Amino acid sequence: LQRKNNVYKGMRHAFAEILKVEGVGALYRGFWMTLPQLSASFLYSSTYERFRDLLQVHVGITNPSLLSALAGGIASPCAQLVFVPTDIVAQHMMVHNNPEAFGGSRKAAAVAVAVRNDGLDKRLTLGLRVVRAVYKVDGLAGFYRGFLSAVMLYIPSTMVFWSTYYHALGGFRQIRTKVSSLQ
């Protein structure tokens, strides 16, 4: 989040300033670090389908809304294992040139200082430098700051999504059946 209200006046101003000061590449800073998030989608889908099957076969849950809500709730933390660390690195990369203007903890500031003073700007990409700095400042735990918050957000939301989806699907099936019986 922005610490100061005067960093950017709006979205148009932000784009213009970023382009003027840092160039087009700055708009995509952190992009390559978020590519592993594609695997999180695969992990989520695989876990969701596997647990949906296990809950149905071994636990005997037959209600599709409940079955999918529980499977989605189990799959969410698995996806967050990939999303959270890549997002942390990408966020550090995005604010790299102006970290003082953005809020954060002392450890986030320490990561920015570690990247700025590492002397590796000619030898390593910014992404690898941020990974090194996060690990140096906070160890492996640094990559999972916010994991609990993400899980607390996404477990309920995915459970609501899947149960709503299957309730709506059932409603649409009833409507289709009634419409076809009228014809």
Protein backbone atom coordinates (compact mmCIF):
# COMPACT_ATOMS: atom_id res chain seq x y z
CA LEU A 1 0.00 0.00 0.00
CA GLN A 2 1.09 3.53 -0.58
CA ARG A 3 2.36 5.22 2.53
CA LYS A 4 2.11 8.71 1.08
CA ASN A 5 -1.01 9.99 -0.64
CA ASN A 6 0.98 11.98 -3.18
CA VAL A 7 2.89 9.16 -4.92
CA TYR A 8 0.34 8.87 -7.73
CA LYS A 9 -2.79 10.94 -8.29
CA GLY A 10 -4.60 8.19 -10.14
CA MET A 11 -4.11 5.31 -12.54
CA ARG A 12 -3.38 7.48 -15.56
CA HIS A 13 -0.82 9.49 -13.59
CA ALA A 14 0.78 6.27 -12.30
CA PHE A 15 1.19 4.87 -15.83
CA ALA A 16 2.57 8.15 -17.14
CA GLU A 17 5.05 8.54 -14.26
CA ILE A 18 6.21 4.93 -14.38
CA LEU A 19 6.72 5.13 -18.16
CA LYS A 20 8.53 8.46 -17.89
CA VAL A 21 10.80 7.57 -14.97
CA GLU A 22 11.38 3.83 -15.37
CA GLY A 23 10.34 2.92 -18.91
CA VAL A 24 7.99 0.29 -20.33
CA GLY A 25 9.85 -2.57 -18.65
CA ALA A 26 8.75 -1.32 -15.24
CA LEU A 27 5.13 -2.11 -16.09
CA TYR A 28 6.11 -5.78 -16.35
CA ARG A 29 8.51 -5.96 -13.42
CA GLY A 30 7.70 -9.09 -11.47
CA PHE A 31 5.98 -10.78 -14.42
CA TRP A 32 8.50 -13.62 -14.72
CA MET A 33 8.31 -14.28 -11.00
CA THR A 34 4.57 -14.79 -11.20
CA LEU A 35 4.78 -17.41 -13.97
CA PRO A 36 5.17 -20.24 -11.43
CA GLN A 37 1.66 -19.30 -10.30
CA LEU A 38 0.45 -21.21 -13.36
CA SER A 39 1.56 -24.36 -11.57
CA ALA A 40 -0.53 -23.30 -8.57
CA SER A 41 -3.64 -23.49 -10.75
CA PHE A 42 -2.66 -27.01 -11.79
CA LEU A 43 -1.98 -27.91 -8.17
CA TYR A 44 -5.34 -26.47 -7.09
CA SER A 45 -7.26 -28.32 -9.82
CA SER A 46 -5.51 -31.62 -9.18
CA THR A 47 -5.98 -31.40 -5.41
CA TYR A 48 -9.60 -30.31 -5.81
CA GLU A 49 -10.47 -33.23 -8.12
CA ARG A 50 -8.56 -35.78 -6.03
CA PHE A 51 -10.20 -34.75 -2.76
CA ARG A 52 -13.60 -34.49 -4.40
CA ASP A 53 -13.19 -38.12 -5.44
CA LEU A 54 -11.82 -39.22 -2.04
CA LEU A 55 -14.61 -37.49 -0.13
CA GLN A 56 -17.24 -39.05 -2.36
CA VAL A 57 -15.84 -42.59 -2.46
CA HIS A 58 -14.32 -43.00 1.02
CA VAL A 59 -16.38 -40.63 3.18
CA GLY A 60 -19.65 -41.10 1.30
CA ILE A 61 -20.55 -37.46 0.74
CA THR A 62 -22.99 -37.31 -2.17
CA ASN A 63 -24.21 -33.70 -2.06
CA PRO A 64 -22.28 -32.00 -4.90
CA SER A 65 -22.36 -28.59 -3.20
CA LEU A 66 -20.90 -29.88 0.06
CA LEU A 67 -18.49 -32.19 -1.72
CA SER A 68 -17.08 -29.40 -3.90
CA ALA A 69 -16.99 -26.87 -1.06
CA LEU A 70 -14.90 -29.21 1.09
CA ALA A 71 -12.59 -30.19 -1.78
CA GLY A 72 -12.09 -26.53 -2.68
CA GLY A 73 -11.36 -25.68 0.95
CA ILE A 74 -8.67 -28.36 1.02
CA ALA A 75 -7.20 -27.33 -2.35
CA SER A 76 -6.87 -23.63 -1.48
CA PRO A 77 -3.93 -23.92 0.97
CA CYS A 78 -2.11 -26.11 -1.55
CA ALA A 79 -2.33 -23.38 -4.18
CA GLN A 80 -1.26 -20.74 -1.65
CA LEU A 81 1.98 -22.67 -1.07
CA VAL A 82 2.99 -21.48 -4.55
CA PHE A 83 1.07 -18.18 -4.80
CA VAL A 84 2.33 -16.55 -1.61
CA PRO A 85 6.12 -16.82 -2.15
CA THR A 86 5.96 -15.80 -5.80
CA ASP A 87 3.70 -12.88 -4.94
CA ILE A 88 6.07 -11.71 -2.20
CA VAL A 89 9.02 -11.69 -4.58
CA ALA A 90 6.99 -9.97 -7.33
CA GLN A 91 5.82 -7.25 -4.92
CA HIS A 92 9.37 -6.52 -3.79
CA MET A 93 10.38 -6.28 -7.44
CA MET A 94 7.54 -3.88 -8.26
CA VAL A 95 8.48 -1.38 -5.56
CA HIS A 96 12.23 -1.84 -5.99
CA ASN A 97 12.92 1.63 -7.40
CA ASN A 98 10.83 3.49 -4.81
CA PRO A 99 10.40 1.33 -1.69
CA GLU A 100 10.18 4.31 0.67
CA ALA A 101 6.87 5.40 -0.88
CA PHE A 102 5.19 2.13 0.03
CA GLY A 103 4.26 0.90 3.48
CA GLY A 104 5.54 -2.26 4.99
CA SER A 105 7.33 -3.85 7.89
CA ARG A 106 10.91 -3.36 9.01
CA LYS A 107 11.74 -6.67 7.36
CA ALA A 108 10.32 -5.46 4.04
CA ALA A 109 12.50 -2.36 4.36
CA ALA A 110 15.47 -4.59 5.22
CA VAL A 111 14.85 -6.61 2.05
CA ALA A 112 14.87 -3.40 -0.02
CA VAL A 113 18.14 -2.32 1.63
CA ALA A 114 19.69 -5.77 1.09
CA VAL A 115 18.79 -5.70 -2.61
CA ARG A 116 20.05 -2.14 -3.01
CA ASN A 117 23.39 -2.93 -1.33
CA ASP A 118 24.09 -6.44 -2.62
CA GLY A 119 26.37 -5.31 -5.46
CA LEU A 120 24.95 -8.01 -7.72
CA ASP A 121 22.97 -5.84 -10.14
CA LYS A 122 25.33 -6.72 -13.01
CA ARG A 123 25.47 -10.46 -12.25
CA LEU A 124 21.94 -11.49 -11.22
CA THR A 125 18.43 -10.55 -12.31
CA LEU A 126 16.36 -8.47 -9.93
CA GLY A 127 14.16 -11.48 -9.19
CA LEU A 128 17.08 -13.62 -8.04
CA ARG A 129 18.46 -10.73 -6.01
CA VAL A 130 15.10 -10.32 -4.25
CA VAL A 131 14.93 -14.06 -3.55
CA ARG A 132 18.43 -13.90 -2.00
CA ALA A 133 17.55 -10.81 0.03
CA VAL A 134 14.28 -12.23 1.39
CA TYR A 135 16.08 -15.42 2.41
CA LYS A 136 18.98 -13.47 3.95
CA VAL A 137 16.69 -11.17 5.96
CA ASP A 138 14.01 -13.61 7.05
CA GLY A 139 14.93 -17.15 6.02
CA LEU A 140 12.38 -19.47 4.48
CA ALA A 141 9.65 -17.92 6.64
CA GLY A 142 10.10 -14.67 4.69
CA PHE A 143 8.57 -16.29 1.62
CA TYR A 144 5.45 -17.24 3.56
CA ARG A 145 4.63 -13.93 5.27
CA GLY A 146 0.91 -13.56 4.81
CA PHE A 147 0.30 -17.26 4.15
CA LEU A 148 -2.14 -17.57 7.05
CA SER A 149 -4.02 -14.45 5.92
CA ALA A 150 -4.24 -15.80 2.38
CA VAL A 151 -5.52 -19.15 3.60
CA MET A 152 -8.05 -17.46 5.92
CA LEU A 153 -9.31 -15.47 2.94
CA TYR A 154 -9.31 -18.13 0.23
CA ILE A 155 -10.64 -21.18 2.09
CA PRO A 156 -14.03 -19.58 2.87
CA SER A 157 -14.27 -17.83 -0.49
CA THR A 158 -13.57 -21.00 -2.47
CA MET A 159 -16.02 -22.95 -0.32
CA VAL A 160 -18.73 -20.36 -0.97
CA PHE A 161 -17.87 -20.31 -4.68
CA TRP A 162 -18.14 -24.07 -5.18
CA SER A 163 -21.30 -24.51 -3.12
CA THR A 164 -22.95 -21.57 -4.92
CA TYR A 165 -21.86 -22.95 -8.28
CA TYR A 166 -23.45 -26.34 -7.67
CA HIS A 167 -26.61 -24.82 -6.19
CA ALA A 168 -26.95 -22.60 -9.27
CA LEU A 169 -26.21 -25.54 -11.55
CA GLY A 170 -28.99 -27.53 -9.88
CA GLY A 171 -31.37 -24.59 -10.31
CA PHE A 172 -30.54 -24.25 -14.00
CA ARG A 173 -31.08 -27.99 -14.50
CA GLN A 174 -34.54 -27.70 -12.95
CA ILE A 175 -35.38 -24.76 -15.20
CA ARG A 176 -34.16 -26.66 -18.27
CA THR A 177 -36.23 -29.70 -17.28
CA LYS A 178 -39.38 -27.58 -16.84
CA VAL A 179 -38.82 -25.76 -20.13
CA SER A 180 -38.25 -29.02 -22.02
CA SER A 181 -41.39 -30.58 -20.52
CA LEU A 182 -43.45 -27.63 -21.80
CA GLN A 183 -42.38 -28.24 -25.38
